[in-house]
C-alpha atoms as a PDB file:
ATOM      1  CA  MET A   1      56.204 -50.400 -62.319  1.00  0.00           C
ATOM      2  CA  SER A   2      53.753 -47.587 -62.939  1.00  0.00           C
ATOM      3  CA  ALA A   3      53.799 -44.465 -60.766  1.00  0.00           C
ATOM      4  CA  PRO A   4      50.974 -44.146 -58.202  1.00  0.00           C
ATOM      5  CA  ASN A   5      48.123 -41.880 -59.222  1.00  0.00           C
ATOM      6  CA  LEU A   6      46.950 -38.874 -57.229  1.00  0.00           C
ATOM      7  CA  GLN A   7      44.086 -40.796 -55.623  1.00  0.00           C
ATOM      8  CA  THR A   8      46.521 -43.432 -54.323  1.00  0.00           C
ATOM      9  CA  LEU A   9      48.882 -40.771 -52.982  1.00  0.00           C
ATOM     10  CA  TRP A  10      45.996 -38.971 -51.277  1.00  0.00           C
ATOM     11  CA  SER A  11      44.827 -42.224 -49.711  1.00  0.00           C
ATOM     12  CA  LEU A  12      48.322 -42.995 -48.400  1.00  0.00           C
ATOM     13  CA  SER A  13      48.746 -39.462 -47.045  1.00  0.00           C
ATOM     14  CA  THR A  14      45.361 -39.582 -45.340  1.00  0.00           C
ATOM     15  CA  ARG A  15      46.140 -42.910 -43.693  1.00  0.00           C
ATOM     16  CA  CYS A  16      49.470 -41.579 -42.450  1.00  0.00           C
ATOM     17  CA  LEU A  17      47.826 -38.495 -40.988  1.00  0.00           C
ATOM     18  CA  ILE A  18      45.153 -40.597 -39.276  1.00  0.00           C
ATOM     19  CA  ALA A  19      47.788 -42.937 -37.847  1.00  0.00           C
ATOM     20  CA  TYR A  20      49.794 -39.953 -36.569  1.00  0.00           C
ATOM     21  CA  TRP A  21      46.704 -38.414 -35.013  1.00  0.00           C
ATOM     22  CA  LEU A  22      45.818 -41.654 -33.254  1.00  0.00           C
ATOM     23  CA  MET A  23      49.313 -42.008 -31.835  1.00  0.00           C
ATOM     24  CA  THR A  24      49.496 -38.438 -30.592  1.00  0.00           C
ATOM     25  CA  ALA A  25      45.951 -38.518 -29.225  1.00  0.00           C
ATOM     26  CA  ALA A  26      46.838 -41.568 -27.192  1.00  0.00           C
ATOM     27  CA  ALA A  27      50.097 -40.110 -25.878  1.00  0.00           C
ATOM     28  CA  PRO A  28      49.804 -38.725 -22.352  1.00  0.00           C
ATOM     29  CA  THR A  29      51.144 -35.398 -21.190  1.00  0.00           C
ATOM     30  CA  ARG A  30      54.063 -36.291 -18.962  1.00  0.00           C
ATOM     31  CA  ALA A  31      56.229 -34.876 -16.206  1.00  0.00           C
ATOM     32  CA  TRP A  32      59.945 -35.651 -15.834  1.00  0.00           C
ATOM     33  CA  LEU A  33      59.306 -37.946 -18.828  1.00  0.00           C
ATOM     34  CA  GLY A  34      59.386 -41.707 -18.363  1.00  0.00           C
ATOM     35  CA  ASP A  35      63.089 -42.162 -17.686  1.00  0.00           C
ATOM     36  CA  GLY A  36      63.032 -39.197 -15.330  1.00  0.00           C
ATOM     37  CA  HIS A  37      60.367 -40.755 -13.110  1.00  0.00           C
ATOM     38  CA  ALA A  38      62.223 -44.072 -13.097  1.00  0.00           C
ATOM     39  CA  LEU A  39      65.466 -42.314 -12.182  1.00  0.00           C
ATOM     40  CA  LEU A  40      63.846 -40.363  -9.349  1.00  0.00           C
ATOM     41  CA  SER A  41      62.119 -43.466  -8.004  1.00  0.00           C
ATOM     42  CA  ARG A  42      65.407 -45.380  -7.824  1.00  0.00           C
ATOM     43  CA  ALA A  43      66.985 -42.375  -6.099  1.00  0.00           C
ATOM     44  CA  SER A  44      64.127 -42.268  -3.585  1.00  0.00           C
ATOM     45  CA  ILE A  45      64.682 -45.915  -2.690  1.00  0.00           C
ATOM     46  CA  GLU A  46      68.449 -45.394  -2.379  1.00  0.00           C
ATOM     47  CA  ALA A  47      67.849 -42.481  -0.008  1.00  0.00           C
ATOM     48  CA  LEU A  48      65.815 -44.562   2.464  1.00  0.00           C
ATOM     49  CA  PRO A  49      67.114 -45.169   5.984  1.00  0.00           C
ATOM     50  CA  ASP A  50      67.845 -48.673   7.266  1.00  0.00           C
ATOM     51  CA  GLN A  51      64.683 -48.723   9.379  1.00  0.00           C
ATOM     52  CA  MET A  52      62.622 -49.309   6.233  1.00  0.00           C
ATOM     53  CA  PRO A  53      61.917 -52.996   5.482  1.00  0.00           C
ATOM     54  CA  GLN A  54      64.574 -54.790   3.458  1.00  0.00           C
ATOM     55  CA  PHE A  55      62.216 -55.976   0.703  1.00  0.00           C
ATOM     56  CA  PHE A  56      61.300 -52.340   0.045  1.00  0.00           C
ATOM     57  CA  ARG A  57      64.890 -51.089  -0.005  1.00  0.00           C
ATOM     58  CA  ASP A  58      65.754 -53.810  -2.522  1.00  0.00           C
ATOM     59  CA  ALA A  59      62.939 -52.917  -4.917  1.00  0.00           C
ATOM     60  CA  GLY A  60      64.137 -49.797  -6.710  1.00  0.00           C
ATOM     61  CA  ASP A  61      63.625 -51.314 -10.164  1.00  0.00           C
ATOM     62  CA  VAL A  62      60.073 -52.438  -9.381  1.00  0.00           C
ATOM     63  CA  VAL A  63      59.046 -49.069  -7.928  1.00  0.00           C
ATOM     64  CA  ALA A  64      60.650 -47.336 -10.926  1.00  0.00           C
ATOM     65  CA  HIS A  65      58.548 -49.518 -13.248  1.00  0.00           C
ATOM     66  CA  MET A  66      55.330 -48.768 -11.362  1.00  0.00           C
ATOM     67  CA  SER A  67      56.030 -45.023 -11.229  1.00  0.00           C
ATOM     68  CA  LEU A  68      55.204 -44.705 -14.938  1.00  0.00           C
ATOM     69  CA  ASP A  69      51.664 -46.074 -14.607  1.00  0.00           C
ATOM     70  CA  PRO A  70      49.869 -42.829 -13.667  1.00  0.00           C
ATOM     71  CA  ASP A  71      50.956 -41.302 -16.981  1.00  0.00           C
ATOM     72  CA  LEU A  72      49.901 -44.411 -18.881  1.00  0.00           C
ATOM     73  CA  ALA A  73      46.451 -43.970 -17.338  1.00  0.00           C
ATOM     74  CA  LYS A  74      46.111 -40.611 -19.120  1.00  0.00           C
ATOM     75  CA  ASN A  75      45.753 -42.408 -22.455  1.00  0.00           C
ATOM     76  CA  ARG A  76      42.800 -40.866 -24.283  1.00  0.00           C
ATOM     77  CA  GLY A  77      41.846 -44.293 -25.577  1.00  0.00           C
ATOM     78  CA  VAL A  78      40.447 -44.972 -22.080  1.00  0.00           C
ATOM     79  CA  PRO A  79      38.480 -41.738 -21.626  1.00  0.00           C
ATOM     80  CA  LEU A  80      36.689 -42.674 -18.405  1.00  0.00           C
ATOM     81  CA  LEU A  81      40.037 -43.309 -16.748  1.00  0.00           C
ATOM     82  CA  SER A  82      41.968 -40.410 -18.264  1.00  0.00           C
ATOM     83  CA  HIS A  83      39.198 -37.957 -17.354  1.00  0.00           C
ATOM     84  CA  GLY A  84      39.795 -38.640 -13.674  1.00  0.00           C
ATOM     85  CA  GLU A  85      43.562 -39.060 -13.921  1.00  0.00           C
ATOM     86  CA  PHE A  86      44.643 -35.790 -15.520  1.00  0.00           C
ATOM     87  CA  SER A  87      43.827 -33.574 -12.536  1.00  0.00           C
ATOM     88  CA  GLU A  88      45.716 -35.844 -10.086  1.00  0.00           C
ATOM     89  CA  HIS A  89      49.046 -34.539 -11.439  1.00  0.00           C
ATOM     90  CA  ASN A  90      48.850 -30.794 -10.796  1.00  0.00           C
ATOM     91  CA  PHE A  91      47.766 -28.106  -8.375  1.00  0.00           C
ATOM     92  CA  ASP A  92      47.307 -24.397  -9.181  1.00  0.00           C
ATOM     93  CA  PRO A  93      47.144 -22.557  -5.834  1.00  0.00           C
ATOM     94  CA  GLU A  94      46.731 -19.166  -7.546  1.00  0.00           C
ATOM     95  CA  LEU A  95      43.126 -20.105  -8.359  1.00  0.00           C
ATOM     96  CA  LEU A  96      42.241 -20.369  -4.656  1.00  0.00           C
ATOM     97  CA  LYS A  97      42.635 -16.611  -4.085  1.00  0.00           C
ATOM     98  CA  GLY A  98      44.767 -16.989  -0.971  1.00  0.00           C
ATOM     99  CA  GLU A  99      42.416 -19.434   0.773  1.00  0.00           C
ATOM    100  CA  THR A 100      43.968 -22.220   2.832  1.00  0.00           C
ATOM    101  CA  TYR A 101      42.849 -25.497   1.327  1.00  0.00           C
ATOM    102  CA  PRO A 102      41.653 -28.246   3.699  1.00  0.00           C
ATOM    103  CA  ASP A 103      43.236 -31.652   4.306  1.00  0.00           C
ATOM    104  CA  LYS A 104      40.462 -33.778   2.807  1.00  0.00           C
ATOM    105  CA  ARG A 105      39.547 -34.069  -0.862  1.00  0.00           C
ATOM    106  CA  TYR A 106      35.796 -33.471  -0.619  1.00  0.00           C
ATOM    107  CA  ASP A 107      36.231 -30.565   1.779  1.00  0.00           C
ATOM    108  CA  PHE A 108      38.475 -29.103  -0.925  1.00  0.00           C
ATOM    109  CA  VAL A 109      35.708 -29.651  -3.490  1.00  0.00           C
ATOM    110  CA  LYS A 110      33.347 -27.696  -1.233  1.00  0.00           C
ATOM    111  CA  LEU A 111      35.894 -24.863  -0.984  1.00  0.00           C
ATOM    112  CA  CYS A 112      36.186 -24.709  -4.767  1.00  0.00           C
ATOM    113  CA  SER A 113      32.412 -24.563  -5.069  1.00  0.00           C
ATOM    114  CA  ARG A 114      32.311 -21.613  -2.687  1.00  0.00           C
ATOM    115  CA  LEU A 115      35.051 -19.852  -4.675  1.00  0.00           C
ATOM    116  CA  GLY A 116      33.342 -20.551  -7.995  1.00  0.00           C
ATOM    117  CA  VAL A 117      36.241 -22.514  -9.487  1.00  0.00           C
ATOM    118  CA  ALA A 118      36.148 -26.054 -10.835  1.00  0.00           C
ATOM    119  CA  PRO A 119      38.198 -28.294  -8.512  1.00  0.00           C
ATOM    120  CA  GLU A 120      39.600 -30.292 -11.418  1.00  0.00           C
ATOM    121  CA  LYS A 121      40.954 -27.030 -12.863  1.00  0.00           C
ATOM    122  CA  VAL A 122      42.841 -26.339  -9.647  1.00  0.00           C
ATOM    123  CA  GLY A 123      43.985 -29.974  -9.513  1.00  0.00           C
ATOM    124  CA  PHE A 124      44.071 -32.703  -6.891  1.00  0.00           C
ATOM    125  CA  SER A 125      47.789 -33.396  -6.596  1.00  0.00           C
ATOM    126  CA  PRO A 126      48.075 -32.835  -2.798  1.00  0.00           C
ATOM    127  CA  TYR A 127      45.173 -35.210  -2.215  1.00  0.00           C
ATOM    128  CA  ALA A 128      46.586 -37.890  -4.517  1.00  0.00           C
ATOM    129  CA  ILE A 129      49.862 -37.711  -2.578  1.00  0.00           C
ATOM    130  CA  ALA A 130      48.207 -37.822   0.844  1.00  0.00           C
ATOM    131  CA  GLU A 131      45.867 -40.679  -0.079  1.00  0.00           C
ATOM    132  CA  TRP A 132      48.535 -42.855  -1.686  1.00  0.00           C
ATOM    133  CA  THR A 133      50.825 -42.264   1.313  1.00  0.00           C
ATOM    134  CA  GLN A 134      48.144 -43.494   3.686  1.00  0.00           C
ATOM    135  CA  ARG A 135      47.211 -46.387   1.377  1.00  0.00           C
ATOM    136  CA  LEU A 136      50.865 -47.438   1.518  1.00  0.00           C
ATOM    137  CA  ALA A 137      50.742 -47.121   5.333  1.00  0.00           C
ATOM    138  CA  VAL A 138      47.850 -49.618   5.459  1.00  0.00           C
ATOM    139  CA  ALA A 139      49.800 -52.045   3.240  1.00  0.00           C
ATOM    140  CA  PHE A 140      52.835 -51.653   5.521  1.00  0.00           C
ATOM    141  CA  ALA A 141      50.610 -52.440   8.515  1.00  0.00           C
ATOM    142  CA  GLU A 142      49.679 -55.673   6.780  1.00  0.00           C
ATOM    143  CA  HIS A 143      53.373 -56.369   6.166  1.00  0.00           C
ATOM    144  CA  ARG A 144      54.115 -55.938   9.857  1.00  0.00           C
ATOM    145  CA  ARG A 145      51.537 -58.629  10.682  1.00  0.00           C
ATOM    146  CA  TRP A 146      52.406 -60.948   7.772  1.00  0.00           C
ATOM    147  CA  PRO A 147      56.067 -60.150   6.975  1.00  0.00           C
ATOM    148  CA  ASP A 148      56.557 -63.161   4.668  1.00  0.00           C
ATOM    149  CA  ASP A 149      53.478 -62.577   2.516  1.00  0.00           C
ATOM    150  CA  GLN A 150      54.829 -61.738  -0.938  1.00  0.00           C
ATOM    151  CA  THR A 151      51.482 -60.513  -2.225  1.00  0.00           C
ATOM    152  CA  ILE A 152      51.449 -57.822   0.457  1.00  0.00           C
ATOM    153  CA  GLN A 153      54.992 -56.880  -0.503  1.00  0.00           C
ATOM    154  CA  GLN A 154      54.075 -56.630  -4.171  1.00  0.00           C
ATOM    155  CA  LYS A 155      51.032 -54.530  -3.337  1.00  0.00           C
ATOM    156  CA  SER A 156      53.202 -52.158  -1.316  1.00  0.00           C
ATOM    157  CA  LEU A 157      55.524 -51.648  -4.284  1.00  0.00           C
ATOM    158  CA  ILE A 158      52.615 -50.856  -6.606  1.00  0.00           C
ATOM    159  CA  TYR A 159      51.336 -48.247  -4.161  1.00  0.00           C
ATOM    160  CA  ALA A 160      54.855 -46.845  -3.789  1.00  0.00           C
ATOM    161  CA  GLY A 161      55.174 -46.426  -7.554  1.00  0.00           C
ATOM    162  CA  PHE A 162      51.945 -44.463  -7.831  1.00  0.00           C
ATOM    163  CA  LEU A 163      52.906 -42.297  -4.867  1.00  0.00           C
ATOM    164  CA  ALA A 164      56.336 -41.634  -6.374  1.00  0.00           C
ATOM    165  CA  HIS A 165      54.824 -40.314  -9.585  1.00  0.00           C
ATOM    166  CA  TYR A 166      52.532 -37.782  -7.925  1.00  0.00           C
ATOM    167  CA  SER A 167      55.093 -36.620  -5.366  1.00  0.00           C
ATOM    168  CA  GLN A 168      57.783 -36.163  -8.026  1.00  0.00           C
ATOM    169  CA  ASP A 169      55.372 -34.191 -10.215  1.00  0.00           C
ATOM    170  CA  LEU A 170      54.644 -31.780  -7.389  1.00  0.00           C
ATOM    171  CA  VAL A 171      58.329 -30.900  -6.975  1.00  0.00           C
ATOM    172  CA  GLN A 172      58.520 -29.860 -10.642  1.00  0.00           C
ATOM    173  CA  PRO A 173      57.438 -26.182 -10.264  1.00  0.00           C
ATOM    174  CA  LEU A 174      55.333 -26.149 -13.438  1.00  0.00           C
ATOM    175  CA  HIS A 175      53.010 -28.684 -11.778  1.00  0.00           C
ATOM    176  CA  ALA A 176      52.335 -26.272  -8.937  1.00  0.00           C
ATOM    177  CA  THR A 177      51.223 -23.174 -10.805  1.00  0.00           C
ATOM    178  CA  ILE A 178      48.721 -21.812 -13.280  1.00  0.00           C
ATOM    179  CA  HIS A 179      51.743 -20.857 -15.438  1.00  0.00           C
ATOM    180  CA  TYR A 180      52.355 -24.503 -16.332  1.00  0.00           C
ATOM    181  CA  ASP A 181      53.569 -24.055 -19.925  1.00  0.00           C
ATOM    182  CA  GLY A 182      54.320 -20.363 -20.301  1.00  0.00           C
ATOM    183  CA  ARG A 183      53.124 -17.314 -18.434  1.00  0.00           C
ATOM    184  CA  ALA A 184      49.324 -17.225 -18.236  1.00  0.00           C
ATOM    185  CA  ASP A 185      47.721 -13.941 -19.294  1.00  0.00           C
ATOM    186  CA  ALA A 186      45.179 -11.927 -17.307  1.00  0.00           C
ATOM    187  CA  ASN A 187      42.400 -14.235 -18.513  1.00  0.00           C
ATOM    188  CA  GLY A 188      44.274 -17.341 -17.373  1.00  0.00           C
ATOM    189  CA  LYS A 189      45.132 -18.440 -20.923  1.00  0.00           C
ATOM    190  CA  VAL A 190      48.418 -20.365 -21.106  1.00  0.00           C
ATOM    191  CA  PRO A 191      50.423 -19.995 -24.344  1.00  0.00           C
ATOM    192  CA  ASN A 192      51.650 -23.651 -24.381  1.00  0.00           C
ATOM    193  CA  SER A 193      55.193 -22.552 -25.108  1.00  0.00           C
ATOM    194  CA  GLY A 194      56.788 -25.988 -24.757  1.00  0.00           C
ATOM    195  CA  ILE A 195      58.835 -25.089 -21.701  1.00  0.00           C
ATOM    196  CA  HIS A 196      57.026 -27.701 -19.609  1.00  0.00           C
ATOM    197  CA  GLU A 197      58.294 -30.614 -21.701  1.00  0.00           C
ATOM    198  CA  THR A 198      61.751 -29.026 -21.944  1.00  0.00           C
ATOM    199  CA  VAL A 199      62.051 -28.876 -18.167  1.00  0.00           C
ATOM    200  CA  ASP A 200      60.639 -32.406 -17.824  1.00  0.00           C
ATOM    201  CA  ALA A 201      63.325 -33.775 -20.150  1.00  0.00           C
ATOM    202  CA  ALA A 202      66.240 -31.832 -18.670  1.00  0.00           C
ATOM    203  CA  LEU A 203      67.059 -34.220 -15.828  1.00  0.00           C
ATOM    204  CA  GLU A 204      67.491 -37.356 -17.931  1.00  0.00           C
ATOM    205  CA  ARG A 205      69.426 -35.406 -20.586  1.00  0.00           C
ATOM    206  CA  MET A 206      71.947 -34.416 -17.926  1.00  0.00           C
ATOM    207  CA  GLY A 207      72.856 -38.062 -17.351  1.00  0.00           C
ATOM    208  CA  VAL A 208      72.565 -37.825 -13.574  1.00  0.00           C
ATOM    209  CA  GLY A 209      72.426 -41.140 -11.704  1.00  0.00           C
ATOM    210  CA  PRO A 210      70.163 -42.113  -8.777  1.00  0.00           C
ATOM    211  CA  THR A 211      73.083 -42.266  -6.332  1.00  0.00           C
ATOM    212  CA  GLN A 212      73.975 -38.657  -7.111  1.00  0.00           C
ATOM    213  CA  LEU A 213      70.410 -37.534  -6.441  1.00  0.00           C
ATOM    214  CA  ALA A 214      70.119 -39.583  -3.245  1.00  0.00           C
ATOM    215  CA  ALA A 215      73.386 -38.243  -1.824  1.00  0.00           C
ATOM    216  CA  GLY A 216      72.828 -35.906   1.107  1.00  0.00           C
ATOM    217  CA  ALA A 217      69.050 -36.341   1.079  1.00  0.00           C
ATOM    218  CA  SER A 218      67.410 -35.380   4.370  1.00  0.00           C
ATOM    219  CA  VAL A 219      64.703 -38.023   4.819  1.00  0.00           C
ATOM    220  CA  THR A 220      62.255 -37.304   7.632  1.00  0.00           C
ATOM    221  CA  SER A 221      58.873 -38.626   8.712  1.00  0.00           C
ATOM    222  CA  PHE A 222      55.851 -36.355   8.336  1.00  0.00           C
ATOM    223  CA  GLU A 223      53.825 -38.454  10.773  1.00  0.00           C
ATOM    224  CA  GLY A 224      51.197 -36.298  12.463  1.00  0.00           C
ATOM    225  CA  ASN A 225      51.543 -33.445   9.955  1.00  0.00           C
ATOM    226  CA  LEU A 226      51.427 -35.189   6.579  1.00  0.00           C
ATOM    227  CA  PHE A 227      49.140 -32.773   4.793  1.00  0.00           C
ATOM    228  CA  GLU A 228      50.900 -29.741   6.219  1.00  0.00           C
ATOM    229  CA  ALA A 229      54.160 -31.120   4.800  1.00  0.00           C
ATOM    230  CA  ILE A 230      52.457 -31.469   1.419  1.00  0.00           C
ATOM    231  CA  ARG A 231      51.204 -27.876   1.672  1.00  0.00           C
ATOM    232  CA  ARG A 232      54.775 -26.748   2.370  1.00  0.00           C
ATOM    233  CA  GLN A 233      55.946 -28.562  -0.743  1.00  0.00           C
ATOM    234  CA  VAL A 234      53.247 -26.877  -2.837  1.00  0.00           C
ATOM    235  CA  GLN A 235      54.408 -23.510  -1.505  1.00  0.00           C
ATOM    236  CA  GLU A 236      58.085 -24.339  -2.080  1.00  0.00           C
ATOM    237  CA  SER A 237      57.507 -25.525  -5.643  1.00  0.00           C
ATOM    238  CA  ASN A 238      55.268 -22.577  -6.486  1.00  0.00           C
ATOM    239  CA  GLY A 239      57.940 -20.282  -5.090  1.00  0.00           C
ATOM    240  CA  GLN A 240      60.414 -21.594  -7.677  1.00  0.00           C
ATOM    241  CA  VAL A 241      58.278 -20.625 -10.676  1.00  0.00           C
ATOM    242  CA  THR A 242      59.704 -17.123 -11.180  1.00  0.00           C
ATOM    243  CA  HIS A 243      63.278 -18.426 -10.948  1.00  0.00           C
ATOM    244  CA  LEU A 244      62.453 -21.166 -13.441  1.00  0.00           C
ATOM    245  CA  TYR A 245      61.138 -18.644 -15.960  1.00  0.00           C
ATOM    246  CA  ASP A 246      64.224 -16.477 -15.420  1.00  0.00           C
ATOM    247  CA  LEU A 247      66.225 -19.486 -16.646  1.00  0.00           C
ATOM    248  CA  ALA A 248      63.747 -20.400 -19.405  1.00  0.00           C
ATOM    249  CA  ASP A 249      66.151 -20.009 -22.338  1.00  0.00           C
ATOM    250  CA  GLN A 250      68.838 -22.079 -20.606  1.00  0.00           C
ATOM    251  CA  PHE A 251      67.085 -25.458 -20.270  1.00  0.00           C
ATOM    252  CA  GLU A 252      67.254 -26.586 -23.895  1.00  0.00           C
ATOM    253  CA  GLY A 253      70.139 -28.759 -25.008  1.00  0.00           C
ATOM    254  CA  ALA A 254      70.988 -32.271 -26.140  1.00  0.00           C
ATOM    255  CA  ASP A 255      72.929 -32.812 -22.902  1.00  0.00           C
ATOM    256  CA  GLY A 256      70.532 -30.911 -20.683  1.00  0.00           C
ATOM    257  CA  PRO A 257      70.577 -27.249 -19.660  1.00  0.00           C
ATOM    258  CA  SER A 258      73.139 -25.056 -21.389  1.00  0.00           C
ATOM    259  CA  THR A 259      74.377 -23.163 -18.291  1.00  0.00           C
ATOM    260  CA  GLU A 260      75.717 -24.262 -14.938  1.00  0.00           C
ATOM    261  CA  GLN A 261      73.032 -22.255 -13.127  1.00  0.00           C
ATOM    262  CA  ALA A 262      70.231 -24.050 -14.979  1.00  0.00           C
ATOM    263  CA  ARG A 263      71.910 -27.436 -14.434  1.00  0.00           C
ATOM    264  CA  ARG A 264      72.112 -26.755 -10.703  1.00  0.00           C
ATOM    265  CA  PHE A 265      68.431 -25.836 -10.679  1.00  0.00           C
ATOM    266  CA  ILE A 266      67.390 -29.092 -12.374  1.00  0.00           C
ATOM    267  CA  HIS A 267      69.710 -31.182 -10.208  1.00  0.00           C
ATOM    268  CA  GLU A 268      68.306 -29.555  -7.058  1.00  0.00           C
ATOM    269  CA  ARG A 269      64.738 -30.214  -8.210  1.00  0.00           C
ATOM    270  CA  GLY A 270      65.637 -33.861  -8.824  1.00  0.00           C
ATOM    271  CA  ARG A 271      67.293 -34.191  -5.435  1.00  0.00           C
ATOM    272  CA  ARG A 272      64.289 -32.601  -3.743  1.00  0.00           C
ATOM    273  CA  ALA A 273      61.894 -34.935  -5.584  1.00  0.00           C
ATOM    274  CA  ALA A 274      63.840 -37.970  -4.368  1.00  0.00           C
ATOM    275  CA  GLU A 275      64.028 -36.578  -0.827  1.00  0.00           C
ATOM    276  CA  PHE A 276      60.327 -35.718  -0.663  1.00  0.00           C
ATOM    277  CA  THR A 277      59.284 -39.107  -2.018  1.00  0.00           C
ATOM    278  CA  ALA A 278      61.578 -40.986   0.378  1.00  0.00           C
ATOM    279  CA  SER A 279      60.168 -38.953   3.267  1.00  0.00           C
ATOM    280  CA  LEU A 280      56.649 -39.972   2.268  1.00  0.00           C
ATOM    281  CA  TYR A 281      57.736 -43.619   2.216  1.00  0.00           C
ATOM    282  CA  LEU A 282      59.211 -43.238   5.688  1.00  0.00           C
ATOM    283  CA  THR A 283      56.027 -41.495   6.840  1.00  0.00           C
ATOM    284  CA  ALA A 284      53.950 -44.441   5.615  1.00  0.00           C
ATOM    285  CA  TRP A 285      56.225 -46.909   7.427  1.00  0.00           C
ATOM    286  CA  VAL A 286      56.185 -45.005  10.725  1.00  0.00           C
ATOM    287  CA  THR A 287      52.417 -44.481  10.505  1.00  0.00           C
ATOM    288  CA  SER A 288      51.847 -48.181   9.882  1.00  0.00           C
ATOM    289  CA  LYS A 289      53.188 -49.081  13.322  1.00  0.00           C
ATOM    290  CA  GLN A 290      50.197 -47.385  14.949  1.00  0.00           C
ATOM    291  CA  LEU A 291      47.531 -48.821  12.648  1.00  0.00           C
ATOM    292  CA  ARG A 292      45.188 -51.536  13.847  1.00  0.00           C
ATOM    293  CA  LEU A 293      43.811 -53.874  11.226  1.00  0.00           C
ATOM    294  CA  PRO A 294      40.259 -55.208  11.599  1.00  0.00           C
ATOM    295  CA  ARG A 295      39.913 -58.680  13.068  1.00  0.00           C
ATOM    296  CA  TRP A 296      38.201 -60.076   9.986  1.00  0.00           C
ATOM    297  CA  VAL A 297      41.337 -59.628   7.849  1.00  0.00           C
ATOM    298  CA  GLU A 298      43.154 -62.907   7.202  1.00  0.00           C
ATOM    299  CA  ARG A 299      46.067 -63.181   4.795  1.00  0.00           C
END
């Protein structure tokens, strides 16, 4: 068989490069990676108190499946969707110059306009979390009226998966700061050091199980102060950024972080993500008891 000529080799190389580009262009930027989100979602369900409905407490695998969908929606092959989705996953409070951000999304947009910063650059993570929590509360209100309706149950699990993704992202400190992938310089330029993906992958590399993360979780309802609780989580996560960068060279490893201090940090972040998500689920359930559905709704 004759050897391929240069033109054939060039053609093959070009096709390989194009195929690689298409695959990487379609790949979303992720947090906690896929298995990490699934793990945290199962842990969140395990951490729930008995007052939550049984169908929900039995659905860890379904919620884990749904929790990956927000990252799938960042596929650049669907640009109209990904354009709106990217900014739902992060929040950079440093860009607000110390201003307290309001509870409602479009009031926040007005604040950003006054400050001269693009709202999508700051990010909408707190609003995604608040809105999905209350959307889940409405679905739970339907479940209270029609407890045997499986479509309502399935809808609730879809909402729970989306909520889990955004709430878990917020607990990862690099989703709550302008320094999301290396220390930003004075002009706000981020070096894209790779630390973000390293931290995202650390939890699943450690081999921690959902029961370990759910153990000792303090699950509380944020009813009446939902957005304030989300603000507190933004502040808490942002407050961990310096400590995370102090440990930056300790997160890499085939089995997770290379030091016990870094492993404790990642484990604590995972536990907090499960606890925060479970608390949002409980908040939605408690809130649903007070909701009144319109008379025209029939299921």
